[in-house]
Amino acid sequence: MPVALTLAMWAASLVPAGYPGLVIPIDPMQSRVDLTICSTLQGLQKCDTDSSTLSGYCTVDLDSRSAPTTISLQDFDARADRNMSWQLSYGWLGKVDISATGIRFYHAQPGIQPFWLLGAEGDFTVYQAPYFKEGLVVYTATGLVCTLLQGMDLPCNDTKDLAAEPVDTEDISGTAVIRDGVLTFAVSVPVQVYIDPENPDTGEVTGMAYLTGSVQIPVPCDFDDDGDVDLGDFGHLQRCLSGREVPQTTSGCEDTPLDSDTDVDGDDVALFVQCLSGADIPGDPDCLTGSGR
C-alpha cells in the first residue's frame, strides 16, 4: 500500500473534538464547472467544452479553528448557475447537439466524516469521497450521424438523467487556509459520465468542478459579533439563564446553551468564563475545544 494512502488512512482514524461544521458559501465568482463531451464515430473523434459558474455550500470541520492540522469534509452541494450546451460537428456527416439542465453535484453521505491531514500549505486530499450527480442531458443527432447511431441500436434523440447514475467515489483534493480569522476553502471534484456505458465511444463527459469559498471563523460566546468576549456578551447570557434542567425556549436566546443540553445554567456560565477575553481583546475561536460543544 502506498505510504501516502497509509498515512491518509491513519489520519482518517482520528476524530478530533471539533465544533459543529463550518458552513462555507460557494463563491460563484471563483467557482465553476468545466465539462468536455467527446464522441467517436467511424474512428473520428469530436469534442466540445462548456463551463458554468457554481453556487451552493460546503461544510467542513477542523480540529482547531486557529491552527488546524486536520480537516473533515462533512458535506457539499454545488449547482451550475446556467444551462450548458455542446455541439459535435462531423461536417457533411451531420452533427450532435447536446444540452444539460439542472447540473448538480452533492455529497452522498453528509454528516460525520473522517478527518484528513493538512499539509504545510493547507493542502489535503479526501480519499474516496462519495457524491451524487443530478441533471438532464439531452442530445439530438442529425444527418448520417443519426444513421450511424441507429446502426448501434441508439436513438437519434435521447435524454439521460444523471440522477439515475450510481454514487460516484472520487479522491477530492483541496486547500484550507486561515488568515486574519477567515477560512478560505477550495476543492476540486472530478467528473466522469458515459452517455451510454455499453458504448463508451458514443459519448463521454469529463471535467472538474472547482468549489471555492470563505467564511469568518466564529468566536464562541461572542454574542454581539464584535470579535471579543466581554461583559456585554455576559449580559446576554445572564438574561437567558433558565436554571438547571429548564429548557431555554425564549426567542433571542437560541445561542446561549453552550453545552450539550438545552438549559442555560451554571455549566454554561463556566464555559463562558473559559472564553472570556475582555473588551477589545480578540476572542479565542478554540476556547471550547474539548468541552463537549
C-alpha atoms as a PDB file:
ATOM      1  CA  MET A   1       0.000   0.000   0.000  1.00  0.00           C
ATOM      2  CA  PRO A   2       1.444   3.454  -0.902  1.00  0.00           C
ATOM      3  CA  VAL A   3       2.858   5.394   2.040  1.00  0.00           C
ATOM      4  CA  ALA A   4       0.666   8.427   1.253  1.00  0.00           C
ATOM      5  CA  LEU A   5      -2.523   6.354   1.374  1.00  0.00           C
ATOM      6  CA  THR A   6      -1.376   4.600   4.561  1.00  0.00           C
ATOM      7  CA  LEU A   7      -0.848   7.967   6.246  1.00  0.00           C
ATOM      8  CA  ALA A   8      -4.204   9.170   4.954  1.00  0.00           C
ATOM      9  CA  MET A   9      -5.969   6.135   6.407  1.00  0.00           C
ATOM     10  CA  TRP A  10      -4.249   6.755   9.725  1.00  0.00           C
ATOM     11  CA  ALA A  11      -5.369  10.382   9.648  1.00  0.00           C
ATOM     12  CA  ALA A  12      -8.904   9.285   8.838  1.00  0.00           C
ATOM     13  CA  SER A  13      -8.995   7.281  12.053  1.00  0.00           C
ATOM     14  CA  LEU A  14      -8.522  10.462  14.092  1.00  0.00           C
ATOM     15  CA  VAL A  15     -11.710  12.192  15.192  1.00  0.00           C
ATOM     16  CA  PRO A  16     -10.689  15.394  16.975  1.00  0.00           C
ATOM     17  CA  ALA A  17     -13.107  17.175  19.295  1.00  0.00           C
ATOM     18  CA  GLY A  18     -14.268  19.938  16.952  1.00  0.00           C
ATOM     19  CA  TYR A  19     -17.236  22.261  16.766  1.00  0.00           C
ATOM     20  CA  PRO A  20     -20.321  21.829  14.623  1.00  0.00           C
ATOM     21  CA  GLY A  21     -19.345  22.124  10.985  1.00  0.00           C
ATOM     22  CA  LEU A  22     -18.498  25.448   9.397  1.00  0.00           C
ATOM     23  CA  VAL A  23     -20.842  26.179   6.501  1.00  0.00           C
ATOM     24  CA  ILE A  24     -18.928  27.881   3.685  1.00  0.00           C
ATOM     25  CA  PRO A  25     -20.911  29.552   0.888  1.00  0.00           C
ATOM     26  CA  ILE A  26     -19.561  28.686  -2.568  1.00  0.00           C
ATOM     27  CA  ASP A  27     -18.441  31.888  -4.292  1.00  0.00           C
ATOM     28  CA  PRO A  28     -19.767  31.932  -7.897  1.00  0.00           C
ATOM     29  CA  MET A  29     -17.087  34.467  -8.825  1.00  0.00           C
ATOM     30  CA  GLN A  30     -14.400  31.880  -8.020  1.00  0.00           C
ATOM     31  CA  SER A  31     -16.202  28.580  -8.591  1.00  0.00           C
ATOM     32  CA  ARG A  32     -17.033  26.836 -11.840  1.00  0.00           C
ATOM     33  CA  VAL A  33     -17.551  23.505 -13.558  1.00  0.00           C
ATOM     34  CA  ASP A  34     -15.746  22.719 -16.821  1.00  0.00           C
ATOM     35  CA  LEU A  35     -17.254  19.808 -18.771  1.00  0.00           C
ATOM     36  CA  THR A  36     -15.942  18.330 -22.019  1.00  0.00           C
ATOM     37  CA  ILE A  37     -18.016  15.954 -24.142  1.00  0.00           C
ATOM     38  CA  CYS A  38     -16.212  13.704 -26.622  1.00  0.00           C
ATOM     39  CA  SER A  39     -17.712  11.253 -29.092  1.00  0.00           C
ATOM     40  CA  THR A  40     -16.022   8.901 -31.570  1.00  0.00           C
ATOM     41  CA  LEU A  41     -17.938   7.780 -34.661  1.00  0.00           C
ATOM     42  CA  GLN A  42     -16.369   5.892 -37.560  1.00  0.00           C
ATOM     43  CA  GLY A  43     -12.975   6.492 -35.958  1.00  0.00           C
ATOM     44  CA  LEU A  44     -13.481  10.279 -35.973  1.00  0.00           C
ATOM     45  CA  GLN A  45     -13.423  11.900 -32.527  1.00  0.00           C
ATOM     46  CA  LYS A  46     -15.038  15.251 -31.850  1.00  0.00           C
ATOM     47  CA  CYS A  47     -15.031  17.180 -28.560  1.00  0.00           C
ATOM     48  CA  ASP A  48     -16.557  20.358 -27.214  1.00  0.00           C
ATOM     49  CA  THR A  49     -16.274  22.114 -23.846  1.00  0.00           C
ATOM     50  CA  ASP A  50     -18.609  24.350 -21.884  1.00  0.00           C
ATOM     51  CA  SER A  51     -18.392  25.940 -18.442  1.00  0.00           C
ATOM     52  CA  SER A  52     -20.701  27.377 -15.825  1.00  0.00           C
ATOM     53  CA  THR A  53     -20.249  29.175 -12.548  1.00  0.00           C
ATOM     54  CA  LEU A  54     -21.344  27.285  -9.440  1.00  0.00           C
ATOM     55  CA  SER A  55     -23.319  28.204  -6.333  1.00  0.00           C
ATOM     56  CA  GLY A  56     -24.032  26.280  -3.139  1.00  0.00           C
ATOM     57  CA  TYR A  57     -22.138  25.453   0.016  1.00  0.00           C
ATOM     58  CA  CYS A  58     -19.532  23.228   1.643  1.00  0.00           C
ATOM     59  CA  THR A  59     -19.474  22.159   5.278  1.00  0.00           C
ATOM     60  CA  VAL A  60     -16.183  21.342   6.986  1.00  0.00           C
ATOM     61  CA  ASP A  61     -14.900  20.680  10.480  1.00  0.00           C
ATOM     62  CA  LEU A  62     -11.417  21.407  11.810  1.00  0.00           C
ATOM     63  CA  ASP A  63      -9.553  20.047  14.806  1.00  0.00           C
ATOM     64  CA  SER A  64      -8.627  23.651  15.629  1.00  0.00           C
ATOM     65  CA  ARG A  65     -10.062  26.915  14.404  1.00  0.00           C
ATOM     66  CA  SER A  66      -6.855  28.842  14.916  1.00  0.00           C
ATOM     67  CA  ALA A  67      -4.116  26.377  13.884  1.00  0.00           C
ATOM     68  CA  PRO A  68      -5.778  23.322  12.309  1.00  0.00           C
ATOM     69  CA  THR A  69      -3.817  20.168  11.464  1.00  0.00           C
ATOM     70  CA  THR A  70      -6.732  18.025  10.193  1.00  0.00           C
ATOM     71  CA  ILE A  71      -9.921  18.701   8.264  1.00  0.00           C
ATOM     72  CA  SER A  72     -13.178  16.844   7.628  1.00  0.00           C
ATOM     73  CA  LEU A  73     -15.349  17.452   4.541  1.00  0.00           C
ATOM     74  CA  GLN A  74     -18.800  16.883   6.017  1.00  0.00           C
ATOM     75  CA  ASP A  75     -20.970  17.996   3.117  1.00  0.00           C
ATOM     76  CA  PHE A  76     -21.041  19.849  -0.186  1.00  0.00           C
ATOM     77  CA  ASP A  77     -23.771  20.830  -2.627  1.00  0.00           C
ATOM     78  CA  ALA A  78     -22.905  22.673  -5.839  1.00  0.00           C
ATOM     79  CA  ARG A  79     -25.272  23.676  -8.646  1.00  0.00           C
ATOM     80  CA  ALA A  80     -24.479  25.056 -12.089  1.00  0.00           C
ATOM     81  CA  ASP A  81     -25.803  28.604 -12.410  1.00  0.00           C
ATOM     82  CA  ARG A  82     -26.851  28.193 -16.036  1.00  0.00           C
ATOM     83  CA  ASN A  83     -27.769  25.579 -18.615  1.00  0.00           C
ATOM     84  CA  MET A  84     -24.852  24.153 -20.594  1.00  0.00           C
ATOM     85  CA  SER A  85     -24.554  23.168 -24.261  1.00  0.00           C
ATOM     86  CA  TRP A  86     -22.162  21.474 -26.675  1.00  0.00           C
ATOM     87  CA  GLN A  87     -22.066  20.794 -30.413  1.00  0.00           C
ATOM     88  CA  LEU A  88     -20.122  17.968 -32.039  1.00  0.00           C
ATOM     89  CA  SER A  89     -19.904  18.658 -35.776  1.00  0.00           C
ATOM     90  CA  TYR A  90     -18.861  15.900 -38.184  1.00  0.00           C
ATOM     91  CA  GLY A  91     -19.003  18.097 -41.270  1.00  0.00           C
ATOM     92  CA  TRP A  92     -21.094  16.630 -44.088  1.00  0.00           C
ATOM     93  CA  LEU A  93     -21.880  13.608 -41.895  1.00  0.00           C
ATOM     94  CA  GLY A  94     -24.038  15.727 -39.620  1.00  0.00           C
ATOM     95  CA  LYS A  95     -23.792  16.820 -36.016  1.00  0.00           C
ATOM     96  CA  VAL A  96     -24.847  16.138 -32.434  1.00  0.00           C
ATOM     97  CA  ASP A  97     -26.349  18.955 -30.351  1.00  0.00           C
ATOM     98  CA  ILE A  98     -26.207  18.365 -26.596  1.00  0.00           C
ATOM     99  CA  SER A  99     -27.667  20.383 -23.739  1.00  0.00           C
ATOM    100  CA  ALA A 100     -27.725  19.957 -19.959  1.00  0.00           C
ATOM    101  CA  THR A 101     -30.046  21.474 -17.373  1.00  0.00           C
ATOM    102  CA  GLY A 102     -30.082  21.335 -13.591  1.00  0.00           C
ATOM    103  CA  ILE A 103     -26.474  20.170 -13.178  1.00  0.00           C
ATOM    104  CA  ARG A 104     -25.724  19.481  -9.525  1.00  0.00           C
ATOM    105  CA  PHE A 105     -23.039  17.676  -7.506  1.00  0.00           C
ATOM    106  CA  TYR A 106     -23.636  16.845  -3.840  1.00  0.00           C
ATOM    107  CA  HIS A 107     -22.259  14.674  -1.028  1.00  0.00           C
ATOM    108  CA  ALA A 108     -23.881  11.250  -0.896  1.00  0.00           C
ATOM    109  CA  GLN A 109     -23.394  10.711   2.843  1.00  0.00           C
ATOM    110  CA  PRO A 110     -23.385  14.091   4.652  1.00  0.00           C
ATOM    111  CA  GLY A 111     -22.629  14.160   8.350  1.00  0.00           C
ATOM    112  CA  ILE A 112     -19.720  12.892  10.436  1.00  0.00           C
ATOM    113  CA  GLN A 113     -16.774  12.168   8.158  1.00  0.00           C
ATOM    114  CA  PRO A 114     -13.127  11.127   8.573  1.00  0.00           C
ATOM    115  CA  PHE A 115     -10.511  13.757   9.316  1.00  0.00           C
ATOM    116  CA  TRP A 116      -7.597  14.144   6.900  1.00  0.00           C
ATOM    117  CA  LEU A 117      -4.152  15.626   7.420  1.00  0.00           C
ATOM    118  CA  LEU A 118      -3.469  19.191   6.335  1.00  0.00           C
ATOM    119  CA  GLY A 119      -0.130  19.829   4.632  1.00  0.00           C
ATOM    120  CA  ALA A 120       2.177  22.741   5.335  1.00  0.00           C
ATOM    121  CA  GLU A 121       0.358  24.898   2.755  1.00  0.00           C
ATOM    122  CA  GLY A 122      -3.104  23.831   3.914  1.00  0.00           C
ATOM    123  CA  ASP A 123      -3.375  21.165   1.202  1.00  0.00           C
ATOM    124  CA  PHE A 124      -5.322  17.960   1.774  1.00  0.00           C
ATOM    125  CA  THR A 125      -6.923  15.014  -0.032  1.00  0.00           C
ATOM    126  CA  VAL A 126     -10.231  13.389   0.832  1.00  0.00           C
ATOM    127  CA  TYR A 127      -9.931   9.813  -0.393  1.00  0.00           C
ATOM    128  CA  GLN A 128     -12.909   8.067  -1.998  1.00  0.00           C
ATOM    129  CA  ALA A 129     -15.472  10.760  -1.212  1.00  0.00           C
ATOM    130  CA  PRO A 130     -18.975   9.623  -2.284  1.00  0.00           C
ATOM    131  CA  TYR A 131     -21.170  12.015  -4.248  1.00  0.00           C
ATOM    132  CA  PHE A 132     -24.240  12.078  -6.452  1.00  0.00           C
ATOM    133  CA  LYS A 133     -24.906  13.930  -9.688  1.00  0.00           C
ATOM    134  CA  GLU A 134     -28.160  15.451 -10.917  1.00  0.00           C
ATOM    135  CA  GLY A 135     -29.253  16.988 -14.204  1.00  0.00           C
ATOM    136  CA  LEU A 136     -30.786  16.140 -17.550  1.00  0.00           C
ATOM    137  CA  VAL A 137     -28.520  15.696 -20.576  1.00  0.00           C
ATOM    138  CA  VAL A 138     -30.357  15.795 -23.919  1.00  0.00           C
ATOM    139  CA  TYR A 139     -28.813  15.045 -27.305  1.00  0.00           C
ATOM    140  CA  THR A 140     -30.100  15.277 -30.871  1.00  0.00           C
ATOM    141  CA  ALA A 141     -28.200  13.778 -33.809  1.00  0.00           C
ATOM    142  CA  THR A 142     -28.830  14.808 -37.422  1.00  0.00           C
ATOM    143  CA  GLY A 143     -27.728  13.614 -40.852  1.00  0.00           C
ATOM    144  CA  LEU A 144     -25.665  10.467 -41.284  1.00  0.00           C
ATOM    145  CA  VAL A 145     -24.620  10.742 -37.641  1.00  0.00           C
ATOM    146  CA  CYS A 146     -28.193   9.800 -36.762  1.00  0.00           C
ATOM    147  CA  THR A 147     -27.976   6.800 -39.103  1.00  0.00           C
ATOM    148  CA  LEU A 148     -24.694   5.693 -37.504  1.00  0.00           C
ATOM    149  CA  LEU A 149     -26.248   5.839 -34.044  1.00  0.00           C
ATOM    150  CA  GLN A 150     -29.253   3.837 -35.189  1.00  0.00           C
ATOM    151  CA  GLY A 151     -26.849   1.204 -36.526  1.00  0.00           C
ATOM    152  CA  MET A 152     -25.572   0.914 -32.943  1.00  0.00           C
ATOM    153  CA  ASP A 153     -29.149   0.496 -31.631  1.00  0.00           C
ATOM    154  CA  LEU A 154     -29.085   4.010 -30.225  1.00  0.00           C
ATOM    155  CA  PRO A 155     -31.803   6.632 -30.808  1.00  0.00           C
ATOM    156  CA  CYS A 156     -31.128   9.881 -32.637  1.00  0.00           C
ATOM    157  CA  ASN A 157     -32.726  11.789 -29.747  1.00  0.00           C
ATOM    158  CA  ASP A 158     -32.439  10.811 -26.139  1.00  0.00           C
ATOM    159  CA  THR A 159     -32.330  12.133 -22.579  1.00  0.00           C
ATOM    160  CA  LYS A 160     -30.002  10.919 -19.853  1.00  0.00           C
ATOM    161  CA  ASP A 161     -30.995  11.533 -16.237  1.00  0.00           C
ATOM    162  CA  LEU A 162     -27.821  11.880 -14.178  1.00  0.00           C
ATOM    163  CA  ALA A 163     -29.809  11.223 -11.003  1.00  0.00           C
ATOM    164  CA  ALA A 164     -30.137   7.612 -12.173  1.00  0.00           C
ATOM    165  CA  GLU A 165     -26.357   7.210 -12.049  1.00  0.00           C
ATOM    166  CA  PRO A 166     -24.927   5.220  -9.119  1.00  0.00           C
ATOM    167  CA  VAL A 167     -22.966   7.029  -6.438  1.00  0.00           C
ATOM    168  CA  ASP A 168     -19.507   8.148  -7.552  1.00  0.00           C
ATOM    169  CA  THR A 169     -16.430   7.888  -5.333  1.00  0.00           C
ATOM    170  CA  GLU A 170     -13.518  10.152  -6.161  1.00  0.00           C
ATOM    171  CA  ASP A 171     -10.409  11.487  -4.467  1.00  0.00           C
ATOM    172  CA  ILE A 172     -11.067  15.189  -3.836  1.00  0.00           C
ATOM    173  CA  SER A 173      -8.074  17.472  -3.378  1.00  0.00           C
ATOM    174  CA  GLY A 174      -8.208  20.935  -1.868  1.00  0.00           C
ATOM    175  CA  THR A 175      -6.754  23.604   0.379  1.00  0.00           C
ATOM    176  CA  ALA A 176      -7.913  25.173   3.642  1.00  0.00           C
ATOM    177  CA  VAL A 177      -6.113  28.293   4.875  1.00  0.00           C
ATOM    178  CA  ILE A 178      -6.951  30.581   7.803  1.00  0.00           C
ATOM    179  CA  ARG A 179      -5.754  34.203   7.684  1.00  0.00           C
ATOM    180  CA  ASP A 180      -6.973  37.017   9.923  1.00  0.00           C
ATOM    181  CA  GLY A 181      -9.775  34.854  11.247  1.00  0.00           C
ATOM    182  CA  VAL A 182     -11.127  33.948   7.786  1.00  0.00           C
ATOM    183  CA  LEU A 183     -11.130  30.375   6.465  1.00  0.00           C
ATOM    184  CA  THR A 184     -10.634  30.146   2.693  1.00  0.00           C
ATOM    185  CA  PHE A 185     -11.530  26.735   1.348  1.00  0.00           C
ATOM    186  CA  ALA A 186     -11.189  25.238  -2.139  1.00  0.00           C
ATOM    187  CA  VAL A 187     -11.729  21.734  -3.524  1.00  0.00           C
ATOM    188  CA  SER A 188     -11.674  20.120  -6.964  1.00  0.00           C
ATOM    189  CA  VAL A 189     -14.243  17.388  -7.709  1.00  0.00           C
ATOM    190  CA  PRO A 190     -13.536  15.157 -10.752  1.00  0.00           C
ATOM    191  CA  VAL A 191     -16.480  14.386 -13.050  1.00  0.00           C
ATOM    192  CA  GLN A 192     -16.908  11.469 -15.482  1.00  0.00           C
ATOM    193  CA  VAL A 193     -20.116  10.246 -17.114  1.00  0.00           C
ATOM    194  CA  TYR A 194     -20.761   7.976 -20.111  1.00  0.00           C
ATOM    195  CA  ILE A 195     -23.800   8.801 -22.236  1.00  0.00           C
ATOM    196  CA  ASP A 196     -24.092   5.072 -22.988  1.00  0.00           C
ATOM    197  CA  PRO A 197     -21.905   2.927 -20.704  1.00  0.00           C
ATOM    198  CA  GLU A 198     -22.246  -0.041 -23.073  1.00  0.00           C
ATOM    199  CA  ASN A 199     -20.896   2.076 -25.958  1.00  0.00           C
ATOM    200  CA  PRO A 200     -18.451   4.467 -24.255  1.00  0.00           C
ATOM    201  CA  ASP A 201     -17.145   5.883 -27.548  1.00  0.00           C
ATOM    202  CA  THR A 202     -20.559   7.350 -28.350  1.00  0.00           C
ATOM    203  CA  GLY A 203     -20.201   9.979 -25.638  1.00  0.00           C
ATOM    204  CA  GLU A 204     -18.103  10.646 -22.560  1.00  0.00           C
ATOM    205  CA  VAL A 205     -18.413  13.639 -20.252  1.00  0.00           C
ATOM    206  CA  THR A 206     -15.278  14.515 -18.297  1.00  0.00           C
ATOM    207  CA  GLY A 207     -14.277  17.566 -16.345  1.00  0.00           C
ATOM    208  CA  MET A 208     -13.806  19.176 -12.990  1.00  0.00           C
ATOM    209  CA  ALA A 209     -15.930  21.133 -10.541  1.00  0.00           C
ATOM    210  CA  TYR A 210     -13.961  23.798  -8.671  1.00  0.00           C
ATOM    211  CA  LEU A 211     -15.586  24.913  -5.412  1.00  0.00           C
ATOM    212  CA  THR A 212     -14.159  27.918  -3.573  1.00  0.00           C
ATOM    213  CA  GLY A 213     -15.478  29.963  -0.677  1.00  0.00           C
ATOM    214  CA  SER A 214     -14.600  31.663   2.582  1.00  0.00           C
ATOM    215  CA  VAL A 215     -16.174  32.193   5.966  1.00  0.00           C
ATOM    216  CA  GLN A 216     -15.353  34.213   9.069  1.00  0.00           C
ATOM    217  CA  ILE A 217     -14.291  31.885  11.888  1.00  0.00           C
ATOM    218  CA  PRO A 218     -16.831  32.479  14.671  1.00  0.00           C
ATOM    219  CA  VAL A 219     -15.677  33.147  18.232  1.00  0.00           C
ATOM    220  CA  PRO A 220     -17.755  31.155  20.761  1.00  0.00           C
ATOM    221  CA  CYS A 221     -19.687  33.328  23.241  1.00  0.00           C
ATOM    222  CA  ASP A 222     -19.185  36.471  21.137  1.00  0.00           C
ATOM    223  CA  PHE A 223     -22.911  37.033  21.088  1.00  0.00           C
ATOM    224  CA  ASP A 224     -22.713  40.609  19.738  1.00  0.00           C
ATOM    225  CA  ASP A 225     -20.243  39.673  16.961  1.00  0.00           C
ATOM    226  CA  ASP A 226     -17.679  42.355  17.793  1.00  0.00           C
ATOM    227  CA  GLY A 227     -14.731  39.922  17.939  1.00  0.00           C
ATOM    228  CA  ASP A 228     -14.220  39.910  21.713  1.00  0.00           C
ATOM    229  CA  VAL A 229     -15.950  38.144  24.620  1.00  0.00           C
ATOM    230  CA  ASP A 230     -16.649  40.682  27.333  1.00  0.00           C
ATOM    231  CA  LEU A 231     -19.247  41.813  29.859  1.00  0.00           C
ATOM    232  CA  GLY A 232     -21.605  42.823  27.084  1.00  0.00           C
ATOM    233  CA  ASP A 233     -21.732  39.183  25.989  1.00  0.00           C
ATOM    234  CA  PHE A 234     -22.113  38.045  29.585  1.00  0.00           C
ATOM    235  CA  GLY A 235     -25.142  40.318  29.953  1.00  0.00           C
ATOM    236  CA  HIS A 236     -26.799  38.455  27.098  1.00  0.00           C
ATOM    237  CA  LEU A 237     -26.023  35.087  28.712  1.00  0.00           C
ATOM    238  CA  GLN A 238     -27.280  36.339  32.067  1.00  0.00           C
ATOM    239  CA  ARG A 239     -30.612  37.449  30.590  1.00  0.00           C
ATOM    240  CA  CYS A 240     -31.037  33.951  29.130  1.00  0.00           C
ATOM    241  CA  LEU A 241     -30.292  31.910  32.270  1.00  0.00           C
ATOM    242  CA  SER A 242     -33.078  29.376  32.693  1.00  0.00           C
ATOM    243  CA  GLY A 243     -31.770  27.180  35.504  1.00  0.00           C
ATOM    244  CA  ARG A 244     -30.739  23.547  35.588  1.00  0.00           C
ATOM    245  CA  GLU A 245     -32.958  21.171  33.578  1.00  0.00           C
ATOM    246  CA  VAL A 246     -35.219  24.035  32.491  1.00  0.00           C
ATOM    247  CA  PRO A 247     -35.052  24.189  28.672  1.00  0.00           C
ATOM    248  CA  GLN A 248     -34.287  27.630  27.291  1.00  0.00           C
ATOM    249  CA  THR A 249     -37.012  28.423  24.751  1.00  0.00           C
ATOM    250  CA  THR A 250     -37.029  32.234  24.829  1.00  0.00           C
ATOM    251  CA  SER A 251     -36.712  33.948  21.459  1.00  0.00           C
ATOM    252  CA  GLY A 252     -33.262  35.504  21.096  1.00  0.00           C
ATOM    253  CA  CYS A 253     -31.618  33.031  23.466  1.00  0.00           C
ATOM    254  CA  GLU A 254     -31.053  30.249  20.963  1.00  0.00           C
ATOM    255  CA  ASP A 255     -27.278  30.837  21.029  1.00  0.00           C
ATOM    256  CA  THR A 256     -26.804  30.601  24.790  1.00  0.00           C
ATOM    257  CA  PRO A 257     -26.926  26.836  25.575  1.00  0.00           C
ATOM    258  CA  LEU A 258     -23.161  26.282  25.366  1.00  0.00           C
ATOM    259  CA  ASP A 259     -23.003  22.635  26.407  1.00  0.00           C
ATOM    260  CA  SER A 260     -24.810  19.608  25.016  1.00  0.00           C
ATOM    261  CA  ASP A 261     -28.119  20.119  26.851  1.00  0.00           C
ATOM    262  CA  THR A 262     -30.968  22.582  26.291  1.00  0.00           C
ATOM    263  CA  ASP A 263     -30.886  24.542  29.559  1.00  0.00           C
ATOM    264  CA  VAL A 264     -28.755  27.591  30.367  1.00  0.00           C
ATOM    265  CA  ASP A 265     -27.283  27.136  33.823  1.00  0.00           C
ATOM    266  CA  GLY A 266     -24.050  27.261  35.802  1.00  0.00           C
ATOM    267  CA  ASP A 267     -22.373  24.807  33.426  1.00  0.00           C
ATOM    268  CA  ASP A 268     -22.896  27.247  30.571  1.00  0.00           C
ATOM    269  CA  VAL A 269     -21.555  30.106  32.687  1.00  0.00           C
ATOM    270  CA  ALA A 270     -18.410  28.063  33.395  1.00  0.00           C
ATOM    271  CA  LEU A 271     -17.918  27.540  29.660  1.00  0.00           C
ATOM    272  CA  PHE A 272     -18.450  31.239  29.052  1.00  0.00           C
ATOM    273  CA  VAL A 273     -15.692  32.061  31.554  1.00  0.00           C
ATOM    274  CA  GLN A 274     -13.341  29.831  29.519  1.00  0.00           C
ATOM    275  CA  CYS A 275     -13.948  32.088  26.526  1.00  0.00           C
ATOM    276  CA  LEU A 276     -13.888  35.452  28.332  1.00  0.00           C
ATOM    277  CA  SER A 277     -11.223  37.640  26.709  1.00  0.00           C
ATOM    278  CA  GLY A 278     -12.112  41.164  27.832  1.00  0.00           C
ATOM    279  CA  ALA A 279     -13.208  44.243  25.934  1.00  0.00           C
ATOM    280  CA  ASP A 280     -11.396  44.855  22.630  1.00  0.00           C
ATOM    281  CA  ILE A 281      -9.262  41.711  23.076  1.00  0.00           C
ATOM    282  CA  PRO A 282      -9.912  39.195  20.264  1.00  0.00           C
ATOM    283  CA  GLY A 283     -11.656  36.060  21.475  1.00  0.00           C
ATOM    284  CA  ASP A 284     -10.189  32.597  21.094  1.00  0.00           C
ATOM    285  CA  PRO A 285     -12.026  30.536  18.428  1.00  0.00           C
ATOM    286  CA  ASP A 286     -10.779  27.366  20.149  1.00  0.00           C
ATOM    287  CA  CYS A 287     -11.897  28.250  23.680  1.00  0.00           C
ATOM    288  CA  LEU A 288     -14.500  25.477  23.738  1.00  0.00           C
ATOM    289  CA  THR A 289     -12.448  22.766  22.053  1.00  0.00           C
ATOM    290  CA  GLY A 290     -12.736  19.559  24.062  1.00  0.00           C
ATOM    291  CA  SER A 291     -15.579  20.928  26.173  1.00  0.00           C
ATOM    292  CA  GLY A 292     -18.268  18.803  24.570  1.00  0.00           C
ATOM    293  CA  ARG A 293     -19.586  21.578  22.314  1.00  0.00           C
END
